[in-house]
């Protein structure tokens, strides 16, 4: 469920940024969407763990976060550096690439069946990031929406089916 909610937030951000009135504010909109997705996604995962009474999962969750966070921190720092320098054109490709690397790393801390799906999702984010660097800026919103929106929805659904039947 968390992945689907995060994907819906990504799709909404892409829609808002594609509107001419909001296009100039794309960076702030995507950053706000990332914060909302992180908070809601994290809360949903924590709720699922608490509902099942699986305190034993805190170790794997900690490992998952330790694998995920370094690349996300790098993305946050580089966003600040590039944004301050006025080099915002490369940010969408960097976000997709680093998020894909973070997800690939985090896949090592998950169970076998889910790890395969998470690894595939991470690989697709990496490919989208590399493609985004080669595309004109006009295509960046679509690529961000495809990655942070559609990929999250698809893989959220697939992981949900695998874990919940």
N, C-alpha and C. Protein backbone atom coordinates (compact mmCIF):
# COMPACT_ATOMS: atom_id res chain seq x y z
N UNK A 1 0.81 -1.19 0.00
CA UNK A 1 0.00 0.00 0.00
C UNK A 1 0.86 1.27 0.00
N UNK A 2 1.98 1.23 0.74
CA UNK A 2 2.84 2.41 0.83
C UNK A 2 3.36 2.82 -0.55
N UNK A 3 3.80 1.85 -1.34
CA UNK A 3 4.31 2.16 -2.67
C UNK A 3 3.25 2.76 -3.57
N UNK A 4 2.03 2.28 -3.45
CA UNK A 4 0.94 2.82 -4.27
C UNK A 4 0.65 4.26 -3.88
N UNK A 5 0.60 4.52 -2.58
CA UNK A 5 0.35 5.89 -2.11
C UNK A 5 1.47 6.82 -2.58
N UNK A 6 2.71 6.35 -2.46
CA UNK A 6 3.83 7.17 -2.92
C UNK A 6 3.74 7.42 -4.43
N UNK A 7 3.31 6.42 -5.17
CA UNK A 7 3.14 6.58 -6.61
C UNK A 7 2.05 7.57 -6.97
N UNK A 8 0.97 7.54 -6.24
CA UNK A 8 -0.12 8.50 -6.49
C UNK A 8 0.37 9.92 -6.25
N UNK A 9 1.15 10.10 -5.19
CA UNK A 9 1.73 11.42 -4.92
C UNK A 9 2.63 11.84 -6.08
N UNK A 10 3.42 10.91 -6.60
CA UNK A 10 4.29 11.21 -7.75
C UNK A 10 3.49 11.59 -8.99
N UNK A 11 2.41 10.88 -9.25
CA UNK A 11 1.56 11.21 -10.41
C UNK A 11 0.95 12.60 -10.23
N UNK A 12 0.46 12.88 -9.02
CA UNK A 12 -0.13 14.21 -8.76
C UNK A 12 0.90 15.31 -8.93
N UNK A 13 2.14 15.09 -8.46
CA UNK A 13 3.19 16.09 -8.64
C UNK A 13 3.47 16.32 -10.13
N UNK A 14 3.51 15.25 -10.90
CA UNK A 14 3.76 15.38 -12.33
C UNK A 14 2.64 16.16 -13.02
N UNK A 15 1.41 15.91 -12.60
CA UNK A 15 0.27 16.63 -13.18
C UNK A 15 0.34 18.11 -12.85
N UNK A 16 0.60 18.43 -11.58
CA UNK A 16 0.67 19.83 -11.16
C UNK A 16 1.80 20.55 -11.88
N UNK A 17 2.97 19.93 -11.95
CA UNK A 17 4.12 20.56 -12.60
C UNK A 17 3.90 20.72 -14.10
N UNK A 18 3.09 19.88 -14.70
CA UNK A 18 2.85 20.00 -16.14
C UNK A 18 1.91 21.15 -16.48
N UNK A 19 1.24 21.70 -15.49
CA UNK A 19 0.37 22.86 -15.73
C UNK A 19 1.25 24.11 -15.89
N UNK A 20 1.01 24.89 -16.94
CA UNK A 20 1.86 26.06 -17.19
C UNK A 20 2.01 26.99 -15.99
N UNK A 21 0.96 27.15 -15.22
CA UNK A 21 0.99 28.05 -14.07
C UNK A 21 2.00 27.61 -13.01
N UNK A 22 2.23 26.32 -12.90
CA UNK A 22 3.09 25.78 -11.85
C UNK A 22 4.44 25.27 -12.37
N UNK A 23 4.65 25.27 -13.66
CA UNK A 23 5.87 24.69 -14.24
C UNK A 23 7.14 25.33 -13.70
N UNK A 24 7.14 26.63 -13.48
CA UNK A 24 8.33 27.31 -12.98
C UNK A 24 8.69 26.88 -11.55
N UNK A 25 7.74 26.30 -10.86
CA UNK A 25 7.94 25.89 -9.46
C UNK A 25 8.17 24.39 -9.34
N UNK A 26 8.63 23.78 -10.42
CA UNK A 26 8.74 22.32 -10.45
C UNK A 26 9.62 21.75 -9.34
N UNK A 27 10.73 22.41 -9.04
CA UNK A 27 11.65 21.88 -8.04
C UNK A 27 10.99 21.86 -6.65
N UNK A 28 10.36 22.95 -6.26
CA UNK A 28 9.68 23.01 -4.97
C UNK A 28 8.53 22.02 -4.87
N UNK A 29 7.79 21.88 -5.96
CA UNK A 29 6.65 20.94 -5.97
C UNK A 29 7.15 19.51 -5.81
N UNK A 30 8.19 19.14 -6.55
CA UNK A 30 8.72 17.78 -6.43
C UNK A 30 9.35 17.53 -5.06
N UNK A 31 10.01 18.54 -4.50
CA UNK A 31 10.58 18.37 -3.16
C UNK A 31 9.48 18.19 -2.11
N UNK A 32 8.40 18.99 -2.24
CA UNK A 32 7.27 18.84 -1.32
C UNK A 32 6.64 17.46 -1.47
N UNK A 33 6.49 17.02 -2.70
CA UNK A 33 5.91 15.69 -2.95
C UNK A 33 6.79 14.60 -2.34
N UNK A 34 8.11 14.76 -2.44
CA UNK A 34 9.03 13.77 -1.87
C UNK A 34 8.87 13.69 -0.35
N UNK A 35 8.75 14.83 0.29
CA UNK A 35 8.58 14.85 1.75
C UNK A 35 7.26 14.20 2.14
N UNK A 36 6.19 14.56 1.44
CA UNK A 36 4.86 13.97 1.74
C UNK A 36 4.89 12.46 1.50
N UNK A 37 5.48 12.03 0.40
CA UNK A 37 5.56 10.60 0.10
C UNK A 37 6.39 9.86 1.15
N UNK A 38 7.48 10.46 1.57
CA UNK A 38 8.33 9.83 2.59
C UNK A 38 7.56 9.68 3.91
N UNK A 39 6.88 10.73 4.33
CA UNK A 39 6.14 10.69 5.59
C UNK A 39 4.98 9.70 5.52
N UNK A 40 4.17 9.81 4.47
CA UNK A 40 3.03 8.90 4.36
C UNK A 40 3.46 7.46 4.13
N UNK A 41 4.43 7.25 3.25
CA UNK A 41 4.93 5.90 3.00
C UNK A 41 5.52 5.28 4.25
N UNK A 42 6.32 6.05 4.97
CA UNK A 42 6.90 5.56 6.22
C UNK A 42 5.84 5.24 7.26
N UNK A 43 4.84 6.10 7.37
CA UNK A 43 3.76 5.87 8.34
C UNK A 43 2.97 4.62 7.99
N UNK A 44 2.72 4.39 6.71
CA UNK A 44 1.98 3.20 6.31
C UNK A 44 2.77 1.92 6.57
N UNK A 45 4.05 1.95 6.31
CA UNK A 45 4.89 0.78 6.59
C UNK A 45 4.93 0.53 8.10
N UNK A 46 5.12 1.58 8.88
CA UNK A 46 5.15 1.43 10.35
C UNK A 46 3.82 0.88 10.86
N UNK A 47 2.72 1.35 10.29
CA UNK A 47 1.39 0.87 10.70
C UNK A 47 1.21 -0.60 10.38
N UNK A 48 1.68 -1.02 9.20
CA UNK A 48 1.59 -2.43 8.83
C UNK A 48 2.39 -3.31 9.78
N UNK A 49 3.58 -2.87 10.13
CA UNK A 49 4.42 -3.64 11.05
C UNK A 49 3.75 -3.71 12.42
N UNK A 50 3.24 -2.59 12.90
CA UNK A 50 2.59 -2.56 14.21
C UNK A 50 1.32 -3.41 14.24
N UNK A 51 0.55 -3.37 13.17
CA UNK A 51 -0.69 -4.15 13.09
C UNK A 51 -0.43 -5.65 13.19
N UNK A 52 0.64 -6.06 12.57
CA UNK A 52 0.97 -7.49 12.58
C UNK A 52 1.70 -7.90 13.85
N UNK A 53 2.07 -6.91 14.65
CA UNK A 53 2.79 -7.23 15.88
C UNK A 53 4.14 -7.84 15.64
N UNK A 54 4.78 -7.42 14.55
CA UNK A 54 6.06 -8.02 14.16
C UNK A 54 7.23 -7.13 14.58
N UNK A 55 7.43 -6.99 15.87
CA UNK A 55 8.57 -6.21 16.34
C UNK A 55 9.88 -6.81 15.85
N UNK A 56 9.87 -8.09 15.54
CA UNK A 56 11.10 -8.74 15.08
C UNK A 56 11.56 -8.20 13.73
N UNK A 57 10.69 -7.48 13.03
CA UNK A 57 11.04 -6.93 11.73
C UNK A 57 11.83 -5.63 11.83
N UNK A 58 12.01 -5.11 13.04
CA UNK A 58 12.71 -3.84 13.17
C UNK A 58 14.16 -3.97 12.72
N UNK A 59 14.80 -5.11 12.94
CA UNK A 59 16.17 -5.31 12.45
C UNK A 59 16.26 -5.21 10.94
N UNK A 60 15.43 -5.98 10.20
CA UNK A 60 15.45 -5.86 8.74
C UNK A 60 15.05 -4.47 8.24
N UNK A 61 14.11 -3.82 8.92
CA UNK A 61 13.72 -2.47 8.52
C UNK A 61 14.91 -1.53 8.69
N UNK A 62 15.64 -1.67 9.78
CA UNK A 62 16.83 -0.85 10.02
C UNK A 62 17.87 -1.09 8.93
N UNK A 63 18.09 -2.35 8.57
CA UNK A 63 19.05 -2.67 7.50
C UNK A 63 18.59 -2.08 6.17
N UNK A 64 17.28 -2.19 5.89
CA UNK A 64 16.72 -1.64 4.67
C UNK A 64 16.99 -0.14 4.59
N UNK A 65 16.73 0.57 5.69
CA UNK A 65 16.94 2.02 5.72
C UNK A 65 18.42 2.38 5.61
N UNK A 66 19.28 1.59 6.25
CA UNK A 66 20.71 1.85 6.15
C UNK A 66 21.23 1.66 4.72
N UNK A 67 20.62 0.78 3.98
CA UNK A 67 20.99 0.59 2.57
C UNK A 67 20.41 1.71 1.70
N UNK A 68 19.22 2.17 2.04
CA UNK A 68 18.49 3.15 1.24
C UNK A 68 19.00 4.58 1.43
N UNK A 69 19.29 4.94 2.66
CA UNK A 69 19.54 6.34 3.02
C UNK A 69 20.81 6.98 2.46
N UNK A 70 21.94 6.29 2.33
CA UNK A 70 23.12 7.00 1.81
C UNK A 70 22.91 7.61 0.43
N UNK A 71 22.32 6.89 -0.49
CA UNK A 71 22.09 7.44 -1.84
C UNK A 71 21.03 8.55 -1.80
N UNK A 72 20.04 8.41 -0.91
CA UNK A 72 19.03 9.47 -0.78
C UNK A 72 19.66 10.73 -0.20
N UNK A 73 20.56 10.57 0.77
CA UNK A 73 21.28 11.73 1.33
C UNK A 73 22.13 12.39 0.25
N UNK A 74 22.80 11.58 -0.55
CA UNK A 74 23.60 12.13 -1.66
C UNK A 74 22.72 12.94 -2.60
N UNK A 75 21.53 12.42 -2.90
CA UNK A 75 20.60 13.13 -3.76
C UNK A 75 20.16 14.45 -3.16
N UNK A 76 19.91 14.46 -1.85
CA UNK A 76 19.49 15.70 -1.18
C UNK A 76 20.61 16.74 -1.21
N UNK A 77 21.83 16.31 -0.91
CA UNK A 77 22.97 17.23 -0.91
C UNK A 77 23.24 17.76 -2.31
N UNK A 78 23.24 16.86 -3.30
CA UNK A 78 23.48 17.31 -4.68
C UNK A 78 22.36 18.21 -5.20
N UNK A 79 21.12 17.97 -4.75
CA UNK A 79 20.02 18.86 -5.12
C UNK A 79 20.28 20.27 -4.60
N UNK A 80 20.72 20.37 -3.36
CA UNK A 80 21.04 21.68 -2.78
C UNK A 80 22.19 22.34 -3.54
N UNK A 81 23.24 21.58 -3.80
CA UNK A 81 24.42 22.13 -4.48
C UNK A 81 24.05 22.56 -5.91
N UNK A 82 23.40 21.69 -6.64
CA UNK A 82 23.05 22.00 -8.04
C UNK A 82 22.01 23.11 -8.12
N UNK A 83 21.03 23.09 -7.22
CA UNK A 83 20.01 24.14 -7.21
C UNK A 83 20.61 25.50 -6.91
N UNK A 84 21.52 25.55 -5.95
CA UNK A 84 22.19 26.80 -5.59
C UNK A 84 23.05 27.31 -6.75
N UNK A 85 23.65 26.39 -7.48
CA UNK A 85 24.51 26.77 -8.61
C UNK A 85 23.72 27.06 -9.88
N UNK A 86 22.39 26.88 -9.84
CA UNK A 86 21.57 27.13 -11.02
C UNK A 86 21.65 26.03 -12.06
N UNK A 87 22.13 24.87 -11.69
CA UNK A 87 22.28 23.73 -12.61
C UNK A 87 21.12 22.75 -12.41
N UNK A 88 19.91 23.24 -12.46
CA UNK A 88 18.76 22.39 -12.15
C UNK A 88 18.41 21.42 -13.26
N UNK A 89 18.92 21.62 -14.46
CA UNK A 89 18.57 20.75 -15.57
C UNK A 89 18.94 19.29 -15.33
N UNK A 90 20.01 19.03 -14.58
CA UNK A 90 20.46 17.67 -14.35
C UNK A 90 19.79 17.00 -13.13
N UNK A 91 19.04 17.77 -12.35
CA UNK A 91 18.45 17.23 -11.13
C UNK A 91 17.49 16.07 -11.38
N UNK A 92 16.56 16.15 -12.34
CA UNK A 92 15.64 15.02 -12.53
C UNK A 92 16.35 13.69 -12.84
N UNK A 93 17.33 13.72 -13.73
CA UNK A 93 18.08 12.50 -14.04
C UNK A 93 18.85 12.00 -12.83
N UNK A 94 19.43 12.92 -12.07
CA UNK A 94 20.17 12.54 -10.87
C UNK A 94 19.23 11.91 -9.84
N UNK A 95 18.05 12.50 -9.63
CA UNK A 95 17.09 11.93 -8.68
C UNK A 95 16.72 10.50 -9.05
N UNK A 96 16.37 10.30 -10.30
CA UNK A 96 15.96 8.97 -10.74
C UNK A 96 17.11 7.98 -10.62
N UNK A 97 18.31 8.40 -11.04
CA UNK A 97 19.48 7.52 -10.97
C UNK A 97 19.83 7.16 -9.52
N UNK A 98 19.92 8.15 -8.65
CA UNK A 98 20.30 7.88 -7.26
C UNK A 98 19.20 7.13 -6.51
N UNK A 99 17.95 7.42 -6.81
CA UNK A 99 16.87 6.67 -6.17
C UNK A 99 16.93 5.21 -6.60
N UNK A 100 17.20 5.00 -7.88
CA UNK A 100 17.36 3.63 -8.36
C UNK A 100 18.51 2.92 -7.67
N UNK A 101 19.63 3.61 -7.48
CA UNK A 101 20.76 3.01 -6.76
C UNK A 101 20.38 2.72 -5.31
N UNK A 102 19.63 3.62 -4.68
CA UNK A 102 19.19 3.40 -3.30
C UNK A 102 18.28 2.18 -3.21
N UNK A 103 17.35 2.06 -4.14
CA UNK A 103 16.42 0.93 -4.13
C UNK A 103 17.17 -0.37 -4.42
N UNK A 104 18.11 -0.35 -5.35
CA UNK A 104 18.92 -1.54 -5.62
C UNK A 104 19.67 -1.98 -4.36
N UNK A 105 20.27 -1.04 -3.67
CA UNK A 105 20.98 -1.36 -2.43
C UNK A 105 20.02 -1.92 -1.39
N UNK A 106 18.86 -1.31 -1.25
CA UNK A 106 17.89 -1.75 -0.24
C UNK A 106 17.33 -3.13 -0.55
N UNK A 107 17.37 -3.53 -1.80
CA UNK A 107 16.84 -4.85 -2.16
C UNK A 107 17.63 -5.96 -1.50
N UNK A 108 18.87 -5.69 -1.13
CA UNK A 108 19.70 -6.71 -0.49
C UNK A 108 19.24 -7.02 0.93
N UNK A 109 18.44 -6.14 1.51
CA UNK A 109 17.99 -6.32 2.89
C UNK A 109 16.55 -6.82 2.97
N UNK A 110 16.04 -7.38 1.88
CA UNK A 110 14.66 -7.87 1.87
C UNK A 110 14.64 -9.37 1.58
N UNK A 111 13.47 -9.96 1.79
CA UNK A 111 13.33 -11.40 1.56
C UNK A 111 13.34 -11.70 0.07
N UNK A 112 13.66 -12.92 -0.28
CA UNK A 112 13.95 -13.33 -1.66
C UNK A 112 12.91 -12.89 -2.68
N UNK A 113 11.66 -13.24 -2.51
CA UNK A 113 10.64 -12.91 -3.51
C UNK A 113 10.47 -11.42 -3.71
N UNK A 114 10.45 -10.69 -2.61
CA UNK A 114 10.30 -9.24 -2.69
C UNK A 114 11.59 -8.61 -3.22
N UNK A 115 12.74 -9.16 -2.84
CA UNK A 115 14.01 -8.60 -3.27
C UNK A 115 14.10 -8.54 -4.80
N UNK A 116 13.61 -9.56 -5.45
CA UNK A 116 13.66 -9.60 -6.92
C UNK A 116 12.85 -8.43 -7.50
N UNK A 117 11.65 -8.20 -6.95
CA UNK A 117 10.82 -7.09 -7.43
C UNK A 117 11.46 -5.74 -7.13
N UNK A 118 11.99 -5.59 -5.93
CA UNK A 118 12.61 -4.32 -5.56
C UNK A 118 13.85 -4.07 -6.41
N UNK A 119 14.60 -5.11 -6.68
CA UNK A 119 15.78 -5.00 -7.55
C UNK A 119 15.37 -4.58 -8.96
N UNK A 120 14.32 -5.17 -9.48
CA UNK A 120 13.82 -4.79 -10.81
C UNK A 120 13.39 -3.32 -10.82
N UNK A 121 12.67 -2.91 -9.78
CA UNK A 121 12.22 -1.52 -9.71
C UNK A 121 13.43 -0.58 -9.67
N UNK A 122 14.43 -0.90 -8.84
CA UNK A 122 15.63 -0.08 -8.77
C UNK A 122 16.34 0.02 -10.11
N UNK A 123 16.44 -1.11 -10.80
CA UNK A 123 17.07 -1.12 -12.12
C UNK A 123 16.33 -0.25 -13.11
N UNK A 124 15.01 -0.29 -13.05
CA UNK A 124 14.22 0.56 -13.96
C UNK A 124 14.39 2.04 -13.64
N UNK A 125 14.50 2.38 -12.36
CA UNK A 125 14.78 3.77 -11.99
C UNK A 125 16.13 4.21 -12.54
N UNK A 126 17.13 3.35 -12.45
CA UNK A 126 18.46 3.68 -12.99
C UNK A 126 18.36 3.94 -14.49
N UNK A 127 17.67 3.07 -15.21
CA UNK A 127 17.50 3.25 -16.66
C UNK A 127 16.78 4.55 -16.97
N UNK A 128 15.71 4.84 -16.23
CA UNK A 128 14.99 6.10 -16.45
C UNK A 128 15.89 7.30 -16.19
N UNK A 129 16.72 7.21 -15.13
CA UNK A 129 17.64 8.31 -14.83
C UNK A 129 18.62 8.54 -15.97
N UNK A 130 19.20 7.46 -16.47
CA UNK A 130 20.15 7.58 -17.57
C UNK A 130 19.48 8.15 -18.82
N UNK A 131 18.26 7.70 -19.09
CA UNK A 131 17.52 8.23 -20.24
C UNK A 131 17.21 9.71 -20.06
N UNK A 132 16.88 10.10 -18.84
CA UNK A 132 16.50 11.49 -18.58
C UNK A 132 17.65 12.44 -18.85
N UNK A 133 18.88 12.01 -18.56
CA UNK A 133 20.04 12.87 -18.86
C UNK A 133 20.13 13.18 -20.36
N UNK A 134 19.69 12.25 -21.19
CA UNK A 134 19.80 12.42 -22.64
C UNK A 134 18.61 13.16 -23.25
N UNK A 135 17.53 13.32 -22.47
CA UNK A 135 16.32 13.94 -23.01
C UNK A 135 16.30 15.44 -22.76
N UNK A 136 15.55 16.17 -23.59
CA UNK A 136 15.41 17.61 -23.35
C UNK A 136 14.63 17.86 -22.05
N UNK A 137 14.82 19.04 -21.49
CA UNK A 137 14.17 19.40 -20.21
C UNK A 137 12.65 19.29 -20.30
N UNK A 138 12.09 19.46 -21.47
CA UNK A 138 10.63 19.38 -21.63
C UNK A 138 10.09 17.99 -21.28
N UNK A 139 10.93 16.97 -21.35
CA UNK A 139 10.51 15.60 -21.06
C UNK A 139 10.75 15.18 -19.61
N UNK A 140 11.39 16.02 -18.82
CA UNK A 140 11.77 15.64 -17.47
C UNK A 140 10.58 15.39 -16.55
N UNK A 141 9.55 16.19 -16.65
CA UNK A 141 8.36 15.98 -15.81
C UNK A 141 7.74 14.63 -16.09
N UNK A 142 7.66 14.27 -17.36
CA UNK A 142 7.09 12.96 -17.72
C UNK A 142 7.95 11.83 -17.17
N UNK A 143 9.27 11.98 -17.22
CA UNK A 143 10.15 10.93 -16.71
C UNK A 143 10.04 10.80 -15.19
N UNK A 144 9.96 11.93 -14.50
CA UNK A 144 9.78 11.90 -13.05
C UNK A 144 8.43 11.27 -12.69
N UNK A 145 7.39 11.62 -13.44
CA UNK A 145 6.08 11.02 -13.20
C UNK A 145 6.07 9.53 -13.50
N UNK A 146 6.77 9.14 -14.54
CA UNK A 146 6.87 7.72 -14.88
C UNK A 146 7.58 6.95 -13.78
N UNK A 147 8.67 7.50 -13.27
CA UNK A 147 9.43 6.83 -12.23
C UNK A 147 8.75 6.89 -10.87
N UNK A 148 8.66 8.09 -10.33
CA UNK A 148 8.14 8.25 -8.97
C UNK A 148 6.63 8.05 -8.88
N UNK A 149 5.97 8.07 -10.01
CA UNK A 149 4.53 7.81 -10.03
C UNK A 149 4.21 6.39 -10.45
N UNK A 150 4.33 6.13 -11.73
CA UNK A 150 3.89 4.85 -12.29
C UNK A 150 4.67 3.65 -11.76
N UNK A 151 5.98 3.75 -11.69
CA UNK A 151 6.76 2.61 -11.19
C UNK A 151 6.39 2.27 -9.74
N UNK A 152 6.20 3.30 -8.93
CA UNK A 152 5.80 3.03 -7.54
C UNK A 152 4.43 2.36 -7.47
N UNK A 153 3.51 2.80 -8.29
CA UNK A 153 2.17 2.19 -8.29
C UNK A 153 2.24 0.74 -8.74
N UNK A 154 2.91 0.49 -9.85
CA UNK A 154 3.00 -0.87 -10.38
C UNK A 154 3.69 -1.80 -9.39
N UNK A 155 4.86 -1.40 -8.91
CA UNK A 155 5.60 -2.28 -8.00
C UNK A 155 4.95 -2.33 -6.62
N UNK A 156 4.28 -1.27 -6.20
CA UNK A 156 3.52 -1.33 -4.95
C UNK A 156 2.42 -2.38 -5.03
N UNK A 157 1.75 -2.41 -6.17
CA UNK A 157 0.71 -3.41 -6.38
C UNK A 157 1.31 -4.81 -6.42
N UNK A 158 2.40 -5.00 -7.16
CA UNK A 158 3.02 -6.33 -7.28
C UNK A 158 3.55 -6.82 -5.92
N UNK A 159 4.20 -5.94 -5.18
CA UNK A 159 4.71 -6.33 -3.87
C UNK A 159 3.56 -6.61 -2.92
N UNK A 160 2.49 -5.82 -2.99
CA UNK A 160 1.32 -6.08 -2.15
C UNK A 160 0.69 -7.43 -2.45
N UNK A 161 0.59 -7.77 -3.72
CA UNK A 161 0.03 -9.10 -4.08
C UNK A 161 0.91 -10.22 -3.58
N UNK A 162 2.21 -10.01 -3.66
CA UNK A 162 3.14 -11.05 -3.21
C UNK A 162 3.09 -11.23 -1.69
N UNK A 163 2.98 -10.15 -0.96
CA UNK A 163 3.03 -10.23 0.49
C UNK A 163 1.67 -10.48 1.14
N UNK A 164 0.61 -10.08 0.46
CA UNK A 164 -0.73 -10.22 1.06
C UNK A 164 -1.64 -11.20 0.32
N UNK A 165 -1.13 -11.79 -0.72
CA UNK A 165 -1.91 -12.79 -1.46
C UNK A 165 -2.78 -12.26 -2.45
